[in-house]
PDB file of all heavy atoms in Angstrom:
ATOM      1  N   GLU A   1     -14.984   3.680  15.310  1.00  0.00           N
ATOM      2  CA  GLU A   1     -14.201   4.214  14.221  1.00  0.00           C
ATOM      3  C   GLU A   1     -13.442   5.515  14.656  1.00  0.00           C
ATOM      4  O   GLU A   1     -12.309   5.693  14.229  1.00  0.00           O
ATOM      5  CB  GLU A   1     -15.103   4.495  13.048  1.00  0.00           C
ATOM      6  CG  GLU A   1     -15.639   3.236  12.387  1.00  0.00           C
ATOM      7  CD  GLU A   1     -16.580   3.587  11.263  1.00  0.00           C
ATOM      8  OE1 GLU A   1     -16.943   4.724  11.101  1.00  0.00           O
ATOM      9  OE2 GLU A   1     -16.940   2.618  10.475  1.00  0.00           O
ATOM     10  N   GLN A   2     -14.064   6.314  15.463  1.00  0.00           N
ATOM     11  CA  GLN A   2     -13.425   7.545  15.963  1.00  0.00           C
ATOM     12  C   GLN A   2     -12.232   7.220  16.854  1.00  0.00           C
ATOM     13  O   GLN A   2     -11.252   8.001  16.981  1.00  0.00           O
ATOM     14  CB  GLN A   2     -14.397   8.425  16.718  1.00  0.00           C
ATOM     15  CG  GLN A   2     -15.469   9.041  15.819  1.00  0.00           C
ATOM     16  CD  GLN A   2     -16.480   9.822  16.570  1.00  0.00           C
ATOM     17  OE1 GLN A   2     -16.510   9.802  17.785  1.00  0.00           O
ATOM     18  NE2 GLN A   2     -17.355  10.497  15.822  1.00  0.00           N
ATOM     19  N   TRP A   3     -12.222   6.066  17.507  1.00  0.00           N
ATOM     20  CA  TRP A   3     -11.116   5.608  18.275  1.00  0.00           C
ATOM     21  C   TRP A   3     -10.034   4.954  17.390  1.00  0.00           C
ATOM     22  O   TRP A   3      -9.085   4.407  17.938  1.00  0.00           O
ATOM     23  CB  TRP A   3     -11.589   4.633  19.367  1.00  0.00           C
ATOM     24  CG  TRP A   3     -12.135   5.325  20.546  1.00  0.00           C
ATOM     25  CD1 TRP A   3     -12.146   6.648  20.805  1.00  0.00           C
ATOM     26  CD2 TRP A   3     -12.784   4.696  21.621  1.00  0.00           C
ATOM     27  NE1 TRP A   3     -12.760   6.916  22.041  1.00  0.00           N
ATOM     28  CE2 TRP A   3     -13.200   5.691  22.558  1.00  0.00           C
ATOM     29  CE3 TRP A   3     -13.143   3.370  21.952  1.00  0.00           C
ATOM     30  CZ2 TRP A   3     -13.860   5.450  23.759  1.00  0.00           C
ATOM     31  CZ3 TRP A   3     -13.794   3.071  23.126  1.00  0.00           C
ATOM     32  CH2 TRP A   3     -14.163   4.152  24.042  1.00  0.00           C
ATOM     33  N   GLU A   4     -10.269   5.000  16.035  1.00  0.00           N
ATOM     34  CA  GLU A   4      -9.345   4.496  15.066  1.00  0.00           C
ATOM     35  C   GLU A   4      -9.108   2.966  15.269  1.00  0.00           C
ATOM     36  O   GLU A   4      -7.957   2.513  15.206  1.00  0.00           O
ATOM     37  CB  GLU A   4      -7.983   5.243  15.141  1.00  0.00           C
ATOM     38  CG  GLU A   4      -8.131   6.673  14.676  1.00  0.00           C
ATOM     39  CD  GLU A   4      -6.811   7.367  14.559  1.00  0.00           C
ATOM     40  OE1 GLU A   4      -5.825   6.843  15.036  1.00  0.00           O
ATOM     41  OE2 GLU A   4      -6.792   8.514  14.006  1.00  0.00           O
ATOM     42  N   ILE A   5     -10.160   2.284  15.496  1.00  0.00           N
ATOM     43  CA  ILE A   5     -10.073   0.788  15.535  1.00  0.00           C
ATOM     44  C   ILE A   5      -9.941   0.304  14.096  1.00  0.00           C
ATOM     45  O   ILE A   5     -10.707   0.697  13.224  1.00  0.00           O
ATOM     46  CB  ILE A   5     -11.357   0.178  16.177  1.00  0.00           C
ATOM     47  CG1 ILE A   5     -11.592   0.796  17.562  1.00  0.00           C
ATOM     48  CG2 ILE A   5     -11.214  -1.347  16.240  1.00  0.00           C
ATOM     49  CD1 ILE A   5     -10.435   0.579  18.547  1.00  0.00           C
ATOM     50  N   PRO A   6      -8.914  -0.476  13.815  1.00  0.00           N
ATOM     51  CA  PRO A   6      -8.708  -0.936  12.420  1.00  0.00           C
ATOM     52  C   PRO A   6      -9.942  -1.685  11.873  1.00  0.00           C
ATOM     53  O   PRO A   6     -10.674  -2.322  12.635  1.00  0.00           O
ATOM     54  CB  PRO A   6      -7.548  -1.880  12.534  1.00  0.00           C
ATOM     55  CG  PRO A   6      -6.809  -1.441  13.775  1.00  0.00           C
ATOM     56  CD  PRO A   6      -7.841  -0.981  14.742  1.00  0.00           C
ATOM     57  N   GLN A   7     -10.197  -1.495  10.578  1.00  0.00           N
ATOM     58  CA  GLN A   7     -11.298  -2.115   9.960  1.00  0.00           C
ATOM     59  C   GLN A   7     -11.218  -3.651  10.051  1.00  0.00           C
ATOM     60  O   GLN A   7     -12.261  -4.379  10.136  1.00  0.00           O
ATOM     61  CB  GLN A   7     -11.378  -1.739   8.439  1.00  0.00           C
ATOM     62  CG  GLN A   7     -11.742  -0.248   8.275  1.00  0.00           C
ATOM     63  CD  GLN A   7     -13.147   0.059   8.743  1.00  0.00           C
ATOM     64  OE1 GLN A   7     -14.085  -0.777   8.662  1.00  0.00           O
ATOM     65  NE2 GLN A   7     -13.318   1.256   9.243  1.00  0.00           N
ATOM     66  N   SER A   8     -10.036  -4.185  10.040  1.00  0.00           N
ATOM     67  CA  SER A   8      -9.893  -5.643  10.236  1.00  0.00           C
ATOM     68  C   SER A   8     -10.406  -6.127  11.582  1.00  0.00           C
ATOM     69  O   SER A   8     -11.081  -7.210  11.702  1.00  0.00           O
ATOM     70  CB  SER A   8      -8.450  -6.094  10.050  1.00  0.00           C
ATOM     71  OG  SER A   8      -7.637  -5.433  11.034  1.00  0.00           O
ATOM     72  N   GLU A   9     -10.202  -5.313  12.554  1.00  0.00           N
ATOM     73  CA  GLU A   9     -10.707  -5.648  13.968  1.00  0.00           C
ATOM     74  C   GLU A   9     -12.215  -5.523  13.979  1.00  0.00           C
ATOM     75  O   GLU A   9     -12.883  -6.347  14.657  1.00  0.00           O
ATOM     76  CB  GLU A   9     -10.048  -4.765  14.975  1.00  0.00           C
ATOM     77  CG  GLU A   9      -8.515  -4.929  15.054  1.00  0.00           C
ATOM     78  CD  GLU A   9      -8.109  -6.303  15.519  1.00  0.00           C
ATOM     79  OE1 GLU A   9      -8.910  -6.988  16.328  1.00  0.00           O
ATOM     80  OE2 GLU A   9      -6.998  -6.785  15.184  1.00  0.00           O
ATOM     81  N   LEU A  10     -12.748  -4.524  13.317  1.00  0.00           N
ATOM     82  CA  LEU A  10     -14.240  -4.374  13.323  1.00  0.00           C
ATOM     83  C   LEU A  10     -14.898  -5.539  12.573  1.00  0.00           C
ATOM     84  O   LEU A  10     -15.976  -6.077  13.026  1.00  0.00           O
ATOM     85  CB  LEU A  10     -14.588  -3.028  12.640  1.00  0.00           C
ATOM     86  CG  LEU A  10     -14.333  -1.736  13.458  1.00  0.00           C
ATOM     87  CD1 LEU A  10     -14.663  -0.490  12.624  1.00  0.00           C
ATOM     88  CD2 LEU A  10     -15.107  -1.799  14.741  1.00  0.00           C
ATOM     89  N   ALA A  11     -14.216  -5.936  11.470  1.00  0.00           N
ATOM     90  CA  ALA A  11     -14.808  -7.095  10.775  1.00  0.00           C
ATOM     91  C   ALA A  11     -14.752  -8.378  11.641  1.00  0.00           C
ATOM     92  O   ALA A  11     -15.734  -9.165  11.642  1.00  0.00           O
ATOM     93  CB  ALA A  11     -13.984  -7.292   9.452  1.00  0.00           C
ATOM     94  N   LYS A  12     -13.665  -8.513  12.379  1.00  0.00           N
ATOM     95  CA  LYS A  12     -13.551  -9.635  13.195  1.00  0.00           C
ATOM     96  C   LYS A  12     -14.597  -9.624  14.371  1.00  0.00           C
ATOM     97  O   LYS A  12     -15.151 -10.629  14.732  1.00  0.00           O
ATOM     98  CB  LYS A  12     -12.162  -9.646  13.818  1.00  0.00           C
ATOM     99  CG  LYS A  12     -11.901 -10.849  14.712  1.00  0.00           C
ATOM    100  CD  LYS A  12     -10.412 -10.835  15.304  1.00  0.00           C
ATOM    101  CE  LYS A  12     -10.131 -11.962  16.204  1.00  0.00           C
ATOM    102  NZ  LYS A  12      -8.755 -11.951  16.745  1.00  0.00           N
ATOM    103  N   LEU A  13     -14.873  -8.391  14.869  1.00  0.00           N
ATOM    104  CA  LEU A  13     -15.891  -8.208  15.855  1.00  0.00           C
ATOM    105  C   LEU A  13     -17.262  -8.557  15.400  1.00  0.00           C
ATOM    106  O   LEU A  13     -18.037  -9.295  16.097  1.00  0.00           O
ATOM    107  CB  LEU A  13     -15.883  -6.734  16.385  1.00  0.00           C
ATOM    108  CG  LEU A  13     -16.860  -6.378  17.452  1.00  0.00           C
ATOM    109  CD1 LEU A  13     -16.647  -7.158  18.747  1.00  0.00           C
ATOM    110  CD2 LEU A  13     -16.811  -4.870  17.732  1.00  0.00           C
ATOM    111  N   LYS A  14     -17.580  -8.152  14.155  1.00  0.00           N
ATOM    112  CA  LYS A  14     -18.889  -8.480  13.615  1.00  0.00           C
ATOM    113  C   LYS A  14     -19.022  -9.953  13.309  1.00  0.00           C
ATOM    114  O   LYS A  14     -20.094 -10.573  13.442  1.00  0.00           O
ATOM    115  CB  LYS A  14     -19.091  -7.713  12.295  1.00  0.00           C
ATOM    116  CG  LYS A  14     -19.189  -6.154  12.517  1.00  0.00           C
ATOM    117  CD  LYS A  14     -19.295  -5.525  11.189  1.00  0.00           C
ATOM    118  CE  LYS A  14     -19.337  -3.964  11.395  1.00  0.00           C
ATOM    119  NZ  LYS A  14     -19.422  -3.222  10.070  1.00  0.00           N
ATOM    120  N   GLU A  15     -17.915 -10.573  12.953  1.00  0.00           N
ATOM    121  CA  GLU A  15     -17.957 -11.991  12.517  1.00  0.00           C
ATOM    122  C   GLU A  15     -18.115 -12.885  13.740  1.00  0.00           C
ATOM    123  O   GLU A  15     -18.853 -13.846  13.779  1.00  0.00           O
ATOM    124  CB  GLU A  15     -16.696 -12.346  11.744  1.00  0.00           C
ATOM    125  CG  GLU A  15     -16.629 -13.758  11.303  1.00  0.00           C
ATOM    126  CD  GLU A  15     -15.348 -14.124  10.565  1.00  0.00           C
ATOM    127  OE1 GLU A  15     -14.602 -13.176  10.279  1.00  0.00           O
ATOM    128  OE2 GLU A  15     -15.136 -15.303  10.228  1.00  0.00           O
ATOM    129  N   THR A  16     -17.327 -12.611  14.826  1.00  0.00           N
ATOM    130  CA  THR A  16     -17.313 -13.498  15.967  1.00  0.00           C
ATOM    131  C   THR A  16     -18.400 -13.101  16.964  1.00  0.00           C
ATOM    132  O   THR A  16     -18.882 -14.005  17.719  1.00  0.00           O
ATOM    133  CB  THR A  16     -15.987 -13.426  16.721  1.00  0.00           C
ATOM    134  OG1 THR A  16     -15.698 -12.028  17.138  1.00  0.00           O
ATOM    135  CG2 THR A  16     -14.867 -13.871  15.752  1.00  0.00           C
ATOM    136  N   GLY A  17     -18.817 -11.849  16.989  1.00  0.00           N
ATOM    137  CA  GLY A  17     -19.825 -11.443  17.965  1.00  0.00           C
ATOM    138  C   GLY A  17     -19.261 -11.365  19.380  1.00  0.00           C
ATOM    139  O   GLY A  17     -20.120 -11.371  20.352  1.00  0.00           O
ATOM    140  N   LYS A  18     -17.959 -11.380  19.553  1.00  0.00           N
ATOM    141  CA  LYS A  18     -17.396 -11.340  20.862  1.00  0.00           C
ATOM    142  C   LYS A  18     -16.457 -10.093  21.009  1.00  0.00           C
ATOM    143  O   LYS A  18     -15.812  -9.783  20.048  1.00  0.00           O
ATOM    144  CB  LYS A  18     -16.596 -12.594  21.200  1.00  0.00           C
ATOM    145  CG  LYS A  18     -17.461 -13.891  21.281  1.00  0.00           C
ATOM    146  CD  LYS A  18     -16.593 -15.096  21.581  1.00  0.00           C
ATOM    147  CE  LYS A  18     -17.454 -16.326  21.609  1.00  0.00           C
ATOM    148  NZ  LYS A  18     -16.637 -17.567  21.989  1.00  0.00           N
ATOM    149  N   PRO A  19     -16.393  -9.415  22.142  1.00  0.00           N
ATOM    150  CA  PRO A  19     -15.480  -8.256  22.290  1.00  0.00           C
ATOM    151  C   PRO A  19     -14.012  -8.683  22.165  1.00  0.00           C
ATOM    152  O   PRO A  19     -13.686  -9.806  22.609  1.00  0.00           O
ATOM    153  CB  PRO A  19     -15.798  -7.745  23.657  1.00  0.00           C
ATOM    154  CG  PRO A  19     -17.200  -8.272  23.997  1.00  0.00           C
ATOM    155  CD  PRO A  19     -17.232  -9.633  23.288  1.00  0.00           C
ATOM    156  N   ILE A  20     -13.231  -7.847  21.581  1.00  0.00           N
ATOM    157  CA  ILE A  20     -11.820  -8.076  21.471  1.00  0.00           C
ATOM    158  C   ILE A  20     -11.183  -7.461  22.679  1.00  0.00           C
ATOM    159  O   ILE A  20     -11.190  -6.195  22.875  1.00  0.00           O
ATOM    160  CB  ILE A  20     -11.261  -7.494  20.157  1.00  0.00           C
ATOM    161  CG1 ILE A  20     -11.989  -8.119  18.960  1.00  0.00           C
ATOM    162  CG2 ILE A  20      -9.775  -7.690  20.063  1.00  0.00           C
ATOM    163  CD1 ILE A  20     -11.597  -7.462  17.650  1.00  0.00           C
ATOM    164  N   THR A  21     -10.559  -8.211  23.468  1.00  0.00           N
ATOM    165  CA  THR A  21      -9.926  -7.709  24.735  1.00  0.00           C
ATOM    166  C   THR A  21      -8.537  -7.146  24.437  1.00  0.00           C
ATOM    167  O   THR A  21      -8.161  -6.048  25.037  1.00  0.00           O
ATOM    168  CB  THR A  21      -9.828  -8.809  25.784  1.00  0.00           C
ATOM    169  OG1 THR A  21      -9.070  -9.954  25.254  1.00  0.00           O
ATOM    170  CG2 THR A  21     -11.202  -9.264  26.216  1.00  0.00           C
ATOM    171  N   ASP A  22      -7.798  -7.816  23.668  1.00  0.00           N
ATOM    172  CA  ASP A  22      -6.426  -7.318  23.364  1.00  0.00           C
ATOM    173  C   ASP A  22      -6.412  -6.774  21.912  1.00  0.00           C
ATOM    174  O   ASP A  22      -6.408  -7.613  20.964  1.00  0.00           O
ATOM    175  CB  ASP A  22      -5.381  -8.423  23.545  1.00  0.00           C
ATOM    176  CG  ASP A  22      -5.195  -8.813  24.955  1.00  0.00           C
ATOM    177  OD1 ASP A  22      -5.688  -8.097  25.815  1.00  0.00           O
ATOM    178  OD2 ASP A  22      -4.618  -9.881  25.232  1.00  0.00           O
ATOM    179  N   LEU A  23      -6.433  -5.471  21.725  1.00  0.00           N
ATOM    180  CA  LEU A  23      -6.472  -4.853  20.401  1.00  0.00           C
ATOM    181  C   LEU A  23      -5.071  -4.664  19.888  1.00  0.00           C
ATOM    182  O   LEU A  23      -4.232  -4.088  20.625  1.00  0.00           O
ATOM    183  CB  LEU A  23      -7.221  -3.491  20.497  1.00  0.00           C
ATOM    184  CG  LEU A  23      -7.348  -2.721  19.161  1.00  0.00           C
ATOM    185  CD1 LEU A  23      -8.177  -3.480  18.184  1.00  0.00           C
ATOM    186  CD2 LEU A  23      -7.924  -1.333  19.417  1.00  0.00           C
ATOM    187  N   THR A  24      -4.777  -5.057  18.665  1.00  0.00           N
ATOM    188  CA  THR A  24      -3.459  -4.929  18.066  1.00  0.00           C
ATOM    189  C   THR A  24      -3.345  -3.511  17.350  1.00  0.00           C
ATOM    190  O   THR A  24      -4.223  -3.227  16.549  1.00  0.00           O
ATOM    191  CB  THR A  24      -3.159  -6.070  17.106  1.00  0.00           C
ATOM    192  OG1 THR A  24      -3.251  -7.272  17.802  1.00  0.00           O
ATOM    193  CG2 THR A  24      -1.768  -5.862  16.488  1.00  0.00           C
ATOM    194  N   ILE A  25      -2.309  -2.796  17.689  1.00  0.00           N
ATOM    195  CA  ILE A  25      -2.036  -1.502  17.039  1.00  0.00           C
ATOM    196  C   ILE A  25      -0.929  -1.681  16.074  1.00  0.00           C
ATOM    197  O   ILE A  25       0.121  -2.150  16.405  1.00  0.00           O
ATOM    198  CB  ILE A  25      -1.698  -0.422  18.074  1.00  0.00           C
ATOM    199  CG1 ILE A  25      -2.786  -0.306  19.145  1.00  0.00           C
ATOM    200  CG2 ILE A  25      -1.426   0.893  17.372  1.00  0.00           C
ATOM    201  CD1 ILE A  25      -4.107   0.126  18.604  1.00  0.00           C
ATOM    202  N   ASN A  26      -1.156  -1.290  14.754  1.00  0.00           N
ATOM    203  CA  ASN A  26      -0.208  -1.428  13.708  1.00  0.00           C
ATOM    204  C   ASN A  26       0.499  -0.113  13.366  1.00  0.00           C
ATOM    205  O   ASN A  26       0.009   0.984  13.688  1.00  0.00           O
ATOM    206  CB  ASN A  26      -0.896  -1.962  12.435  1.00  0.00           C
ATOM    207  CG  ASN A  26      -1.636  -3.306  12.665  1.00  0.00           C
ATOM    208  OD1 ASN A  26      -1.129  -4.107  13.440  1.00  0.00           O
ATOM    209  ND2 ASN A  26      -2.745  -3.493  12.076  1.00  0.00           N
ATOM    210  N   SER A  27       1.614  -0.230  12.683  1.00  0.00           N
ATOM    211  CA  SER A  27       2.381   1.006  12.270  1.00  0.00           C
ATOM    212  C   SER A  27       1.664   1.699  11.146  1.00  0.00           C
ATOM    213  O   SER A  27       1.259   1.053  10.165  1.00  0.00           O
ATOM    214  CB  SER A  27       3.792   0.549  11.814  1.00  0.00           C
ATOM    215  OG  SER A  27       4.503   1.683  11.374  1.00  0.00           O
ATOM    216  N   PRO A  28       1.516   3.037  11.241  1.00  0.00           N
ATOM    217  CA  PRO A  28       0.790   3.759  10.203  1.00  0.00           C
ATOM    218  C   PRO A  28       1.633   3.959   8.939  1.00  0.00           C
ATOM    219  O   PRO A  28       1.107   4.243   7.857  1.00  0.00           O
ATOM    220  CB  PRO A  28       0.451   5.098  10.889  1.00  0.00           C
ATOM    221  CG  PRO A  28       1.504   5.236  11.909  1.00  0.00           C
ATOM    222  CD  PRO A  28       1.891   3.901  12.386  1.00  0.00           C
ATOM    223  N   VAL A  29       2.996   3.901   9.041  1.00  0.00           N
ATOM    224  CA  VAL A  29       3.876   4.137   7.936  1.00  0.00           C
ATOM    225  C   VAL A  29       5.049   3.190   7.984  1.00  0.00           C
ATOM    226  O   VAL A  29       5.208   2.505   9.016  1.00  0.00           O
ATOM    227  CB  VAL A  29       4.427   5.624   7.927  1.00  0.00           C
ATOM    228  CG1 VAL A  29       3.311   6.624   7.709  1.00  0.00           C
ATOM    229  CG2 VAL A  29       5.175   5.897   9.238  1.00  0.00           C
ATOM    230  N   SER A  30       5.830   3.206   6.927  1.00  0.00           N
ATOM    231  CA  SER A  30       7.059   2.454   6.920  1.00  0.00           C
ATOM    232  C   SER A  30       8.180   3.359   7.238  1.00  0.00           C
ATOM    233  O   SER A  30       8.289   4.530   6.795  1.00  0.00           O
ATOM    234  CB  SER A  30       7.337   1.855   5.510  1.00  0.00           C
ATOM    235  OG  SER A  30       6.332   0.888   5.128  1.00  0.00           O
ATOM    236  N   GLY A  31       9.100   2.917   8.104  1.00  0.00           N
ATOM    237  CA  GLY A  31      10.216   3.787   8.535  1.00  0.00           C
ATOM    238  C   GLY A  31      10.992   3.244   9.697  1.00  0.00           C
ATOM    239  O   GLY A  31      10.785   2.039  10.086  1.00  0.00           O
ATOM    240  N   TYR A  32      11.851   4.105  10.279  1.00  0.00           N
ATOM    241  CA  TYR A  32      12.649   3.673  11.407  1.00  0.00           C
ATOM    242  C   TYR A  32      12.078   4.254  12.677  1.00  0.00           C
ATOM    243  O   TYR A  32      11.658   5.403  12.712  1.00  0.00           O
ATOM    244  CB  TYR A  32      14.095   4.146  11.172  1.00  0.00           C
ATOM    245  CG  TYR A  32      14.824   3.403  10.127  1.00  0.00           C
ATOM    246  CD1 TYR A  32      14.770   3.831   8.764  1.00  0.00           C
ATOM    247  CD2 TYR A  32      15.570   2.301  10.333  1.00  0.00           C
ATOM    248  CE1 TYR A  32      15.423   3.169   7.772  1.00  0.00           C
ATOM    249  CE2 TYR A  32      16.216   1.598   9.402  1.00  0.00           C
ATOM    250  CZ  TYR A  32      16.163   2.065   8.110  1.00  0.00           C
ATOM    251  OH  TYR A  32      16.767   1.376   7.093  1.00  0.00           O
ATOM    252  N   ILE A  33      12.100   3.439  13.740  1.00  0.00           N
ATOM    253  CA  ILE A  33      11.624   3.917  15.035  1.00  0.00           C
ATOM    254  C   ILE A  33      12.734   4.763  15.666  1.00  0.00           C
ATOM    255  O   ILE A  33      13.813   4.278  15.931  1.00  0.00           O
ATOM    256  CB  ILE A  33      11.263   2.776  15.981  1.00  0.00           C
ATOM    257  CG1 ILE A  33      10.073   1.955  15.385  1.00  0.00           C
ATOM    258  CG2 ILE A  33      10.907   3.206  17.358  1.00  0.00           C
ATOM    259  CD1 ILE A  33       9.809   0.612  16.124  1.00  0.00           C
ATOM    260  N   THR A  34      12.464   6.052  15.821  1.00  0.00           N
ATOM    261  CA  THR A  34      13.486   6.951  16.462  1.00  0.00           C
ATOM    262  C   THR A  34      13.233   7.147  17.944  1.00  0.00           C
ATOM    263  O   THR A  34      14.110   7.603  18.624  1.00  0.00           O
ATOM    264  CB  THR A  34      13.508   8.269  15.712  1.00  0.00           C
ATOM    265  OG1 THR A  34      12.174   8.918  15.801  1.00  0.00           O
ATOM    266  CG2 THR A  34      13.866   8.146  14.267  1.00  0.00           C
ATOM    267  N   GLU A  35      12.012   6.798  18.384  1.00  0.00           N
ATOM    268  CA  GLU A  35      11.676   6.916  19.803  1.00  0.00           C
ATOM    269  C   GLU A  35      10.586   5.934  20.112  1.00  0.00           C
ATOM    270  O   GLU A  35       9.566   5.850  19.386  1.00  0.00           O
ATOM    271  CB  GLU A  35      11.264   8.349  20.142  1.00  0.00           C
ATOM    272  CG  GLU A  35      10.890   8.608  21.588  1.00  0.00           C
ATOM    273  CD  GLU A  35      10.395  10.002  21.818  1.00  0.00           C
ATOM    274  OE1 GLU A  35      10.151  10.728  20.815  1.00  0.00           O
ATOM    275  OE2 GLU A  35      10.159  10.356  22.983  1.00  0.00           O
ATOM    276  N   TYR A  36      10.628   5.275  21.220  1.00  0.00           N
ATOM    277  CA  TYR A  36       9.544   4.393  21.667  1.00  0.00           C
ATOM    278  C   TYR A  36       9.454   4.419  23.187  1.00  0.00           C
ATOM    279  O   TYR A  36      10.496   4.433  23.899  1.00  0.00           O
ATOM    280  CB  TYR A  36       9.715   3.032  21.108  1.00  0.00           C
ATOM    281  CG  TYR A  36      10.514   2.064  21.974  1.00  0.00           C
ATOM    282  CD1 TYR A  36       9.912   1.192  22.816  1.00  0.00           C
ATOM    283  CD2 TYR A  36      11.911   2.022  21.877  1.00  0.00           C
ATOM    284  CE1 TYR A  36      10.648   0.313  23.621  1.00  0.00           C
ATOM    285  CE2 TYR A  36      12.669   1.179  22.666  1.00  0.00           C
ATOM    286  CZ  TYR A  36      12.006   0.335  23.542  1.00  0.00           C
ATOM    287  OH  TYR A  36      12.753  -0.528  24.290  1.00  0.00           O
ATOM    288  N   ASN A  37       8.213   4.438  23.646  1.00  0.00           N
ATOM    289  CA  ASN A  37       7.946   4.483  25.096  1.00  0.00           C
ATOM    290  C   ASN A  37       7.023   3.381  25.543  1.00  0.00           C
ATOM    291  O   ASN A  37       6.513   3.374  26.665  1.00  0.00           O
ATOM    292  CB  ASN A  37       7.349   5.820  25.508  1.00  0.00           C
ATOM    293  CG  ASN A  37       8.347   6.928  25.250  1.00  0.00           C
ATOM    294  OD1 ASN A  37       9.541   6.964  25.637  1.00  0.00           O
ATOM    295  ND2 ASN A  37       7.894   8.031  24.556  1.00  0.00           N
ATOM    296  N   ALA A  38       6.737   2.434  24.636  1.00  0.00           N
ATOM    297  CA  ALA A  38       5.741   1.402  24.961  1.00  0.00           C
ATOM    298  C   ALA A  38       6.468   0.256  25.677  1.00  0.00           C
ATOM    299  O   ALA A  38       7.437  -0.354  25.224  1.00  0.00           O
ATOM    300  CB  ALA A  38       5.190   0.789  23.635  1.00  0.00           C
TER     301      ALA A  38
END
């Protein structure tokens, strides 16, 4: 939780019992992307 893993991913982890290798990061707000480095 301190690593800010979404609650949906934690629920999926508890349900499947398998580690999630590719974690999806979601947008915290609605708006326009003014800068991206990903």
